[in-house]
Structures are given as C-alpha cells and as structure tokens.
Protein backbone atom coordinates (compact mmCIF):
# COMPACT_ATOMS: atom_id res chain seq x y z
CA UNK A 1 20.82 3.13 66.44
CA UNK A 2 21.67 3.01 62.71
CA UNK A 3 20.01 6.44 62.31
CA UNK A 4 22.37 7.94 64.67
CA UNK A 5 25.43 6.32 63.44
CA UNK A 6 24.81 7.54 59.68
CA UNK A 7 24.14 10.93 61.28
CA UNK A 8 27.26 10.97 63.28
CA UNK A 9 29.26 10.07 59.97
CA UNK A 10 27.52 12.81 58.01
CA UNK A 11 28.27 15.45 60.49
CA UNK A 12 31.96 14.46 60.69
CA UNK A 13 32.22 14.74 56.94
CA UNK A 14 30.62 18.11 57.13
CA UNK A 15 32.82 19.29 59.82
CA UNK A 16 35.92 17.96 58.03
CA UNK A 17 34.82 19.74 54.82
CA UNK A 18 34.53 23.00 56.63
CA UNK A 19 37.90 22.57 58.27
CA UNK A 20 39.83 21.23 55.36
CA UNK A 21 41.15 24.53 53.96
CA UNK A 22 42.52 25.31 57.54
CA UNK A 23 44.10 21.82 57.53
CA UNK A 24 46.01 21.50 54.30
CA UNK A 25 49.67 21.39 55.34
CA UNK A 26 50.86 23.37 52.20
CA UNK A 27 48.15 26.01 51.52
CA UNK A 28 47.76 27.47 48.05
CA UNK A 29 50.25 30.20 47.83
CA UNK A 30 48.92 33.51 46.38
CA UNK A 31 51.60 36.07 45.15
CA UNK A 32 51.75 39.13 47.26
CA UNK A 33 51.87 42.64 45.91
CA UNK A 34 55.43 42.94 46.69
CA UNK A 35 56.42 39.76 44.93
CA UNK A 36 54.45 40.86 42.01
CA UNK A 37 56.61 44.19 42.09
CA UNK A 38 59.88 42.12 42.13
CA UNK A 39 59.02 40.62 39.00
CA UNK A 40 58.11 43.57 37.25
CA UNK A 41 61.57 45.41 38.36
CA UNK A 42 63.38 42.10 37.20
CA UNK A 43 61.56 42.55 33.88
CA UNK A 44 62.55 46.24 33.58
CA UNK A 45 66.35 45.31 34.16
CA UNK A 46 66.27 42.87 31.45
CA UNK A 47 64.56 45.41 28.98
CA UNK A 48 67.16 47.94 30.00
CA UNK A 49 70.02 45.33 29.13
CA UNK A 50 68.49 44.85 25.68
CA UNK A 51 68.22 48.54 24.92
CA UNK A 52 71.64 48.88 25.45
CA UNK A 53 72.76 45.96 23.34
CA UNK A 54 70.81 47.35 20.28
CA UNK A 55 71.92 50.81 20.94
CA UNK A 56 68.61 52.39 21.80
CA UNK A 57 70.02 53.83 25.02
CA UNK A 58 73.57 55.29 25.95
CA UNK A 59 75.44 53.34 28.72
CA UNK A 60 75.61 56.19 30.98
CA UNK A 61 71.81 56.83 30.81
CA UNK A 62 71.62 53.11 31.25
CA UNK A 63 73.70 52.83 34.42
CA UNK A 64 71.51 55.68 36.11
CA UNK A 65 68.25 53.86 35.09
CA UNK A 66 69.85 50.44 36.55
CA UNK A 67 70.64 52.03 39.69
CA UNK A 68 67.03 53.28 40.48
CA UNK A 69 65.53 50.12 39.29
CA UNK A 70 67.77 48.06 41.37
CA UNK A 71 66.80 50.30 44.41
CA UNK A 72 63.23 49.67 43.80
CA UNK A 73 63.66 45.98 43.31
CA UNK A 74 65.59 45.61 46.74
CA UNK A 75 62.80 47.51 48.74
CA UNK A 76 60.11 45.22 47.00
CA UNK A 77 62.33 42.07 48.03
CA UNK A 78 62.44 43.33 51.76
CA UNK A 79 58.68 43.78 51.61
CA UNK A 80 57.93 40.35 50.25
CA UNK A 81 60.32 38.71 52.88
CA UNK A 82 58.48 40.70 55.60
CA UNK A 83 54.88 39.45 54.46
CA UNK A 84 56.17 35.88 54.04
CA UNK A 85 57.51 35.82 57.60
CA UNK A 86 54.17 37.28 58.86
CA UNK A 87 52.09 34.67 57.11
CA UNK A 88 54.22 31.68 58.25
CA UNK A 89 53.08 29.28 60.70
CA UNK A 90 49.43 29.40 60.27
CA UNK A 91 48.87 26.88 63.12
CA UNK A 92 50.27 29.19 65.73
CA UNK A 93 47.62 32.09 64.97
CA UNK A 94 45.01 32.15 67.85
CA UNK A 95 42.47 33.22 65.43
CA UNK A 96 42.94 30.38 63.20
CA UNK A 97 42.87 27.72 66.18
CA UNK A 98 39.76 29.49 67.67
CA UNK A 99 37.89 29.21 64.33
CA UNK A 100 38.73 25.56 63.88
CA UNK A 101 37.57 24.72 67.33
CA UNK A 102 34.33 26.68 66.83
CA UNK A 103 33.53 24.85 63.65
CA UNK A 104 34.36 21.28 65.18
CA UNK A 105 32.20 22.09 68.40
CA UNK A 106 29.14 24.10 66.79
CA UNK A 107 28.45 21.99 63.61
CA UNK A 108 27.66 18.63 65.38
CA UNK A 109 25.88 20.77 68.31
CA UNK A 110 23.80 22.91 66.12
CA UNK A 111 22.77 19.88 64.06
CA UNK A 112 21.54 17.86 66.73
CA UNK A 113 19.48 20.88 68.13
CA UNK A 114 17.82 21.50 64.98
CA UNK A 115 16.92 17.87 64.66
CA UNK A 116 15.61 17.64 68.17
CA UNK A 117 13.28 20.80 67.36
CA UNK A 118 12.14 19.85 63.52
CA UNK A 119 13.11 16.21 62.83
CA UNK A 120 12.09 14.20 65.63
CA UNK A 121 11.71 10.66 64.34
CA UNK A 122 8.76 9.98 66.89
CA UNK A 123 6.81 13.17 65.32
CA UNK A 124 3.49 12.53 63.58
CA UNK A 125 3.07 13.54 59.96
CA UNK A 126 2.13 16.85 58.88
CA UNK A 127 -0.94 16.87 56.90
CA UNK A 128 -1.08 18.51 53.56
CA UNK A 129 -3.96 20.78 54.68
CA UNK A 130 -1.97 22.03 57.75
CA UNK A 131 1.03 22.87 55.27
CA UNK A 132 -1.00 25.39 53.54
CA UNK A 133 -1.23 28.89 54.70
CA UNK A 134 -3.91 29.00 57.54
CA UNK A 135 -7.13 30.66 56.87
CA UNK A 136 -7.71 33.89 58.61
CA UNK A 137 -9.30 33.61 62.13
CA UNK A 138 -12.80 35.35 62.55
CA UNK A 139 -11.09 38.30 64.09
CA UNK A 140 -8.71 38.80 61.08
CA UNK A 141 -11.68 38.40 58.83
CA UNK A 142 -13.47 41.22 60.89
CA UNK A 143 -10.37 43.39 60.50
CA UNK A 144 -10.32 42.94 56.76
CA UNK A 145 -13.95 43.59 56.57
CA UNK A 146 -13.70 46.94 58.40
CA UNK A 147 -10.70 48.04 56.47
CA UNK A 148 -12.78 47.51 53.20
CA UNK A 149 -15.90 49.18 54.51
CA UNK A 150 -13.86 52.19 55.53
CA UNK A 151 -12.27 52.32 52.15
CA UNK A 152 -15.65 52.17 50.37
CA UNK A 153 -17.00 54.95 52.51
CA UNK A 154 -14.24 57.10 51.43
CA UNK A 155 -14.58 55.78 47.63
CA UNK A 156 -18.47 54.72 47.50
CA UNK A 157 -18.06 54.15 43.70
CA UNK A 158 -15.30 51.66 44.03
CA UNK A 159 -17.06 48.75 42.04
CA UNK A 160 -14.31 46.31 42.82
CA UNK A 161 -14.64 46.76 46.50
CA UNK A 162 -18.25 46.17 46.55
CA UNK A 163 -17.68 42.93 44.14
CA UNK A 164 -15.44 41.78 46.77
CA UNK A 165 -17.35 42.28 49.99
CA UNK A 166 -20.57 41.30 48.67
CA UNK A 167 -20.12 37.53 48.81
CA UNK A 168 -18.13 37.98 52.26
CA UNK A 169 -21.23 39.60 53.68
CA UNK A 170 -23.30 36.70 52.22
CA UNK A 171 -21.19 34.09 53.68
CA UNK A 172 -20.97 35.40 57.30
CA UNK A 173 -24.75 35.87 57.24
CA UNK A 174 -25.12 39.71 56.88
CA UNK A 175 -27.65 39.38 54.30
CA UNK A 176 -28.86 42.82 54.15
CA UNK A 177 -25.41 44.29 53.66
CA UNK A 178 -24.91 41.55 50.97
CA UNK A 179 -27.91 42.58 49.08
CA UNK A 180 -26.78 46.20 48.86
CA UNK A 181 -23.17 45.29 48.20
CA UNK A 182 -24.37 43.18 45.21
CA UNK A 183 -26.81 45.95 43.80
CA UNK A 184 -23.69 48.36 44.03
CA UNK A 185 -21.52 45.98 42.37
CA UNK A 186 -24.10 45.65 39.60
CA UNK A 187 -24.62 49.27 39.37
CA UNK A 188 -21.02 50.05 38.95
CA UNK A 189 -19.43 46.97 37.09
CA UNK A 190 -22.53 45.82 35.17
CA UNK A 191 -24.79 42.68 35.48
CA UNK A 192 -23.03 39.16 35.46
CA UNK A 193 -24.52 35.95 36.16
CA UNK A 194 -22.54 35.52 39.62
CA UNK A 195 -23.60 38.96 40.92
CA UNK A 196 -27.09 38.41 39.86
CA UNK A 197 -27.32 34.90 41.51
CA UNK A 198 -25.60 36.34 44.59
CA UNK A 199 -28.19 39.29 44.83
CA UNK A 200 -30.80 36.38 44.49
CA UNK A 201 -29.32 34.41 47.35
CA UNK A 202 -29.25 37.32 49.72
CA UNK A 203 -32.85 38.11 49.09
CA UNK A 204 -33.76 34.62 49.36
CA UNK A 205 -32.14 34.57 52.78
CA UNK A 206 -33.58 37.63 54.11
CA UNK A 207 -37.09 35.96 53.10
CA UNK A 208 -36.21 33.07 55.47
CA UNK A 209 -35.68 30.69 52.61
CA UNK A 210 -38.71 31.86 50.53
CA UNK A 211 -37.49 32.54 46.90
CA UNK A 212 -39.39 35.80 46.47
CA UNK A 213 -40.50 37.50 43.22
CA UNK A 214 -37.60 39.78 43.20
CA UNK A 215 -34.93 36.94 44.13
CA UNK A 216 -36.60 34.93 41.09
CA UNK A 217 -36.13 37.82 38.76
CA UNK A 218 -32.52 38.23 39.91
CA UNK A 219 -31.94 34.20 39.15
CA UNK A 220 -33.62 34.78 35.69
CA UNK A 221 -31.25 37.74 34.83
CA UNK A 222 -28.40 35.54 36.17
CA UNK A 223 -29.50 32.84 33.65
CA UNK A 224 -29.81 35.46 30.88
CA UNK A 225 -26.01 36.16 31.38
CA UNK A 226 -25.21 32.48 31.66
CA UNK A 227 -27.76 29.74 30.60
CA UNK A 228 -25.26 27.27 32.23
CA UNK A 229 -25.18 28.90 35.70
CA UNK A 230 -26.13 26.00 38.01
CA UNK A 231 -26.84 28.00 41.12
CA UNK A 232 -29.30 30.28 39.42
CA UNK A 233 -31.10 27.15 38.03
CA UNK A 234 -31.10 25.53 41.58
CA UNK A 235 -32.99 28.49 43.07
CA UNK A 236 -35.45 28.78 40.34
CA UNK A 237 -36.29 24.99 40.67
CA UNK A 238 -36.60 25.45 44.50
CA UNK A 239 -39.04 28.44 43.91
CA UNK A 240 -41.20 26.12 41.69
CA UNK A 241 -41.19 23.51 44.44
CA UNK A 242 -42.21 26.22 47.05
CA UNK A 243 -45.23 27.41 44.81
CA UNK A 244 -46.41 23.86 44.23
CA UNK A 245 -45.86 23.87 40.53
CA UNK A 246 -45.03 20.15 40.68
CA UNK A 247 -44.80 19.59 36.79
CA UNK A 248 -42.63 22.76 36.22
CA UNK A 249 -40.48 21.68 39.46
CA UNK A 250 -39.89 18.48 38.06
CA UNK A 251 -38.82 19.41 34.65
CA UNK A 252 -36.41 22.13 36.38
CA UNK A 253 -34.94 19.82 38.84
CA UNK A 254 -34.36 17.26 36.04
CA UNK A 255 -32.48 19.85 33.88
CA UNK A 256 -30.29 20.78 36.83
CA UNK A 257 -29.27 17.08 37.55
CA UNK A 258 -28.54 16.58 33.71
CA UNK A 259 -26.43 19.74 33.89
CA UNK A 260 -24.47 18.86 37.03
CA UNK A 261 -21.33 16.98 37.24
CA UNK A 262 -21.62 13.57 38.87
CA UNK A 263 -20.10 14.70 42.29
CA UNK A 264 -22.28 17.84 42.46
CA UNK A 265 -23.30 18.38 45.99
CA UNK A 266 -26.70 19.63 45.50
CA UNK A 267 -27.76 16.48 43.37
CA UNK A 268 -29.43 15.00 46.89
CA UNK A 269 -31.89 17.65 47.07
CA UNK A 270 -32.56 17.74 43.49
CA UNK A 271 -33.31 13.97 43.32
CA UNK A 272 -35.46 14.27 46.36
CA UNK A 273 -37.30 17.18 44.88
CA UNK A 274 -38.08 15.20 41.55
CA UNK A 275 -39.43 12.25 43.62
CA UNK A 276 -41.75 14.73 45.47
CA UNK A 277 -43.00 16.89 42.37
CA UNK A 278 -43.68 13.34 40.71
CA UNK A 279 -45.40 12.03 43.87
CA UNK A 280 -43.14 9.27 44.44
CA UNK A 281 -41.27 8.08 47.62
CA UNK A 282 -38.26 10.18 48.48
CA UNK A 283 -35.08 8.52 47.79
CA UNK A 284 -33.16 7.24 50.61
CA UNK A 285 -29.93 9.41 51.51
CA UNK A 286 -26.96 8.46 49.38
CA UNK A 287 -28.97 7.12 46.27
CA UNK A 288 -29.49 8.84 43.15
CA UNK A 289 -32.56 7.88 40.82
CA UNK A 290 -31.24 10.27 37.92
CA UNK A 291 -27.76 10.96 38.67
CA UNK A 292 -24.93 9.65 41.03
CA UNK A 293 -24.37 11.65 44.10
CA UNK A 294 -21.39 11.95 46.33
CA UNK A 295 -21.87 9.88 49.71
CA UNK A 296 -22.89 11.85 52.61
CA UNK A 297 -22.78 15.08 50.51
CA UNK A 298 -25.60 17.52 51.67
CA UNK A 299 -27.21 19.51 49.04
CA UNK A 300 -26.14 23.07 48.06
CA UNK A 301 -27.87 26.09 49.58
CA UNK A 302 -27.54 29.89 49.73
CA UNK A 303 -23.88 30.41 48.95
CA UNK A 304 -23.31 28.24 45.86
CA UNK A 305 -22.45 31.01 43.50
CA UNK A 306 -20.87 33.61 45.93
CA UNK A 307 -18.63 30.81 47.59
CA UNK A 308 -18.62 27.97 45.39
CA UNK A 309 -15.48 26.60 47.25
CA UNK A 310 -17.70 26.12 50.47
CA UNK A 311 -17.63 22.59 51.83
CA UNK A 312 -20.79 20.44 51.32
CA UNK A 313 -21.49 20.41 54.88
CA UNK A 314 -21.39 24.08 55.10
CA UNK A 315 -23.93 24.25 52.20
CA UNK A 316 -26.30 21.93 53.96
CA UNK A 317 -26.06 23.92 57.06
CA UNK A 318 -26.85 26.99 55.12
CA UNK A 319 -30.06 25.97 53.56
CA UNK A 320 -31.15 24.18 56.82
CA UNK A 321 -30.54 27.65 58.48
CA UNK A 322 -32.79 29.33 55.98
CA UNK A 323 -35.53 26.71 56.61
CA UNK A 324 -35.02 27.17 60.18
CA UNK A 325 -35.37 31.02 59.89
CA UNK A 326 -38.82 30.20 58.22
CA UNK A 327 -39.73 27.72 60.94
CA UNK A 328 -38.84 30.32 63.89
CA UNK A 329 -40.94 33.19 61.84
CA UNK A 330 -44.09 30.80 61.81
CA UNK A 331 -43.61 30.42 65.54
CA UNK A 332 -44.26 34.27 65.83
CA UNK A 333 -46.77 34.45 63.32
CA UNK A 334 -48.44 30.94 63.19
CA UNK A 335 -51.49 32.14 61.00
CA UNK A 336 -49.52 32.10 57.83
CA UNK A 337 -51.10 29.40 55.81
CA UNK A 338 -48.75 29.73 53.11
CA UNK A 339 -45.61 29.88 55.20
CA UNK A 340 -46.69 26.23 56.55
CA UNK A 341 -46.98 25.03 53.04
CA UNK A 342 -43.68 26.21 52.21
CA UNK A 343 -41.95 25.01 55.48
CA UNK A 344 -43.64 21.49 55.00
CA UNK A 345 -42.51 21.31 51.36
CA UNK A 346 -39.08 22.58 52.31
CA UNK A 347 -38.74 19.55 54.85
CA UNK A 348 -39.89 17.34 52.16
CA UNK A 349 -37.52 18.30 49.50
CA UNK A 350 -34.61 18.34 52.02
CA UNK A 351 -35.66 14.52 52.58
CA UNK A 352 -36.57 14.96 56.24
CA UNK A 353 -39.60 13.21 56.52
CA UNK A 354 -39.95 13.56 60.36
CA UNK A 355 -39.51 17.30 60.24
CA UNK A 356 -42.11 17.75 57.49
CA UNK A 357 -44.51 15.51 59.36
CA UNK A 358 -43.99 17.46 62.68
CA UNK A 359 -44.50 20.76 60.92
CA UNK A 360 -47.56 19.40 59.20
CA UNK A 361 -49.05 18.11 62.68
CA UNK A 362 -48.52 21.47 64.04
CA UNK A 363 -50.29 23.24 61.11
CA UNK A 364 -53.11 21.18 61.66
CA UNK A 365 -53.40 21.99 65.35
CA UNK A 366 -52.90 25.64 64.58
CA UNK A 367 -56.06 25.81 62.48
CA UNK A 368 -59.57 24.50 63.07
CA UNK A 369 -60.25 21.54 60.84
CA UNK A 370 -63.42 22.96 59.68
CA UNK A 371 -61.88 26.31 58.59
CA UNK A 372 -60.79 27.43 55.23
CA UNK A 373 -57.23 27.24 56.48
CA UNK A 374 -57.52 24.08 58.00
CA UNK A 375 -58.97 22.49 54.81
CA UNK A 376 -56.16 24.04 52.83
CA UNK A 377 -53.41 22.46 55.10
CA UNK A 378 -55.30 18.99 55.03
CA UNK A 379 -55.45 18.91 51.45
CA UNK A 380 -51.75 19.94 50.92
CA UNK A 381 -51.14 17.03 53.44
CA UNK A 382 -53.06 14.62 51.31
CA UNK A 383 -51.14 15.90 48.18
CA UNK A 384 -47.70 15.10 49.74
CA UNK A 385 -49.09 11.93 51.23
CA UNK A 386 -48.92 13.06 54.99
CA UNK A 387 -51.54 11.64 57.49
CA UNK A 388 -53.23 13.27 60.41
CA UNK A 389 -50.28 11.89 62.49
CA UNK A 390 -47.57 13.62 60.55
CA UNK A 391 -46.42 10.68 58.85
CA UNK A 392 -46.64 9.55 55.18
CA UNK A 393 -48.90 7.02 53.93
CA UNK A 394 -46.04 4.77 52.78
CA UNK A 395 -44.88 4.53 56.27
C-alpha cells in the first residue's frame, strides 16, 4: 500500500511538471516580429531628429523621411496589436485544453501499464546469466556453419575462415571435418599451439579416444610452439598411460598437475592417472593427492584447446564419449587385444573402477585363458590389480 501511495505521488509530480508551462497564469512574453519593427522605426525617428539638430539633414528632407517612417511605424503597431489579440486567452484554445487533458490522463495510465508489464513486485529476479545475450540455438549454429562453408567454397584459401570453423567442427563432433579444417588453418596461417593441439584432439577423437602416433606428433609440435600449453601436455600424458609406460606417464601427469592452476578441471583425471601409474589405489572423487581439485569437476577431454570456455561437465562428457567409442568398436571387433587394454586402462584413469572391472571381465571371457591373448589380458589385469571377477584386489 505504501508503494502505491509513493507511486501515485511521483506520478502526480511528473504530470504537474509536464503541465506547468500551460498552467502558468502569466506566460513568459516573447517579442513578436511586429513589436520588434515598432522599436526599430521609433529609433529611426529619434536618429532623424538628431540629424536635423546637428545640421546633417535639411528640415524638408527630414519631414519627407519622417512621414515614410511614421507610416511604417503605424503598420507595424497594427500588426502587433492583431497578433496580441490572437495570442490572448490561451485557456480558450481547444488544442491547448486537449493537450492538457491528454497529459493528465495518459501519463498515469501509461505508467501503470508499464509497471504491470515489466516491474511487477511479485516477479522473480532475473539471473545474471539470463540477462546476457542468449546463445545461438542449434539451428542458428548450423546456419552460421553453412554460411561459413559456402564462403570457404568460394574462397578456399581464406585461412581465417578455416581458423574459425575448425574448433566449431570439433565441438559439435564433426571430427573428420575438424581435422581437415585444422590442417588448412595450419597450412594457410602457420603452426600455433592451439591449431596443432586442435588437430591432435580431432585425430584422437577419430581414433575413438586412442592418441595415435599422428596425434601425438601434433601435440609435440604444439609444445614446441608453446611449452606451457596444458592441453597438449594432457594428451601426451594420456598417450603414455595408454601405452602402459607407467614411469613416464607418472612424470608427465605430475608435471601437468604442477603447471595447472588450483581449480583446473582436469586435475581429477591427472591425479587418478598418477595413482594408477604408481600402482596406488585411485584417489576418491574430489580429493587431490598433488593439488586441490575443484569439487565435482570432471576431467578435461577432447575440447580443452579448441573450446577452453566449455563447462567441466561438457569436458567430462567429451572424454567419456571417446572412451565409449572405443568400447563400441570393441563390440564389433572383440579380437583387438590392445584395444581391450586401452579401454581397461582408460576406465582406470577415469577413476571408474566398476567399468574397468567389467571391461576386464569381458576381455577375459573373449579370449581363451590358455591362448597368448588370454595370458596377455590376465597379466595386464594383474598389473592393474584386477581379479578374475573384475574387481581390484583392494576391494
């Protein structure tokens, strides 16, 4: 109730201010053109008398000039009187009355309508994120991509266009196109840590999460451009873990943790990989043996360099998707011993002991125990501390 009283007082004050120029009983008088002419002709008559007094003009000539100036003075005075009568009594003019009525009625009505639409007291707060410009819808992104592709078809040597399109391809999962775009960007714009790392990530995704030799070479070139480029270090460390080079992997992961900021979202996977490489039990989620990790932050994945602003959950979903691709490939080609080893180790590095155990159990069932492949899988399981039931020996 107090609010509406204050609002009414403020509205009345604004309305009064708008009507004040029309309500004044004695409006400011502005001289008209005719009144100005009267003053000018009167001044000319005074100058004429002065000229006659000092002998600068003959009396006969002065009489003739005085008559002409007098006629002009009378006409100007008549025009001024007519304009004064026409401008008198402003309250009687219909247009002014209509204006005053419109202001007095419309200002309160428009104020109330605008408040009801945009300023209702019961409306919830608008979060800061929603005040920002909304992100483009998927359809809009596809439209932008189509436009960029059309331009590149017309100008295939546009290095800036490839530079912009490559990380977008990588983010939306068009990994083959991303690899091509990164190669074109490197060819036209020159090598950089971000471009080489982006190419390596695209090749890693194409390989279902396996850091291939070509991808590793791209990451090495990225580090040559910028030794502090953390995404390249992440994937090179992942490559060492996948190849089972445990001592080198532990060193690489440790170096990555030491170089990372305290809230880096990939620290959880790095710490889990360090524990795996050293043969320790994997740390619990949310703990950090070598550095503090952000609570509930997943590890970075395939889009660290190309989309550094991606949320941590999206990064974890990306790397888990890569591991899922490898698992799907093994379903259609179960005889790939190295593939099973990479899958089991990937789950271990991710800290998913149940998935690692399930993959190990499936692998042991795929190969006969007395076969070379079966013995290799069993030895690999012993190395990771997995039992025949697919559980770690510490469980």
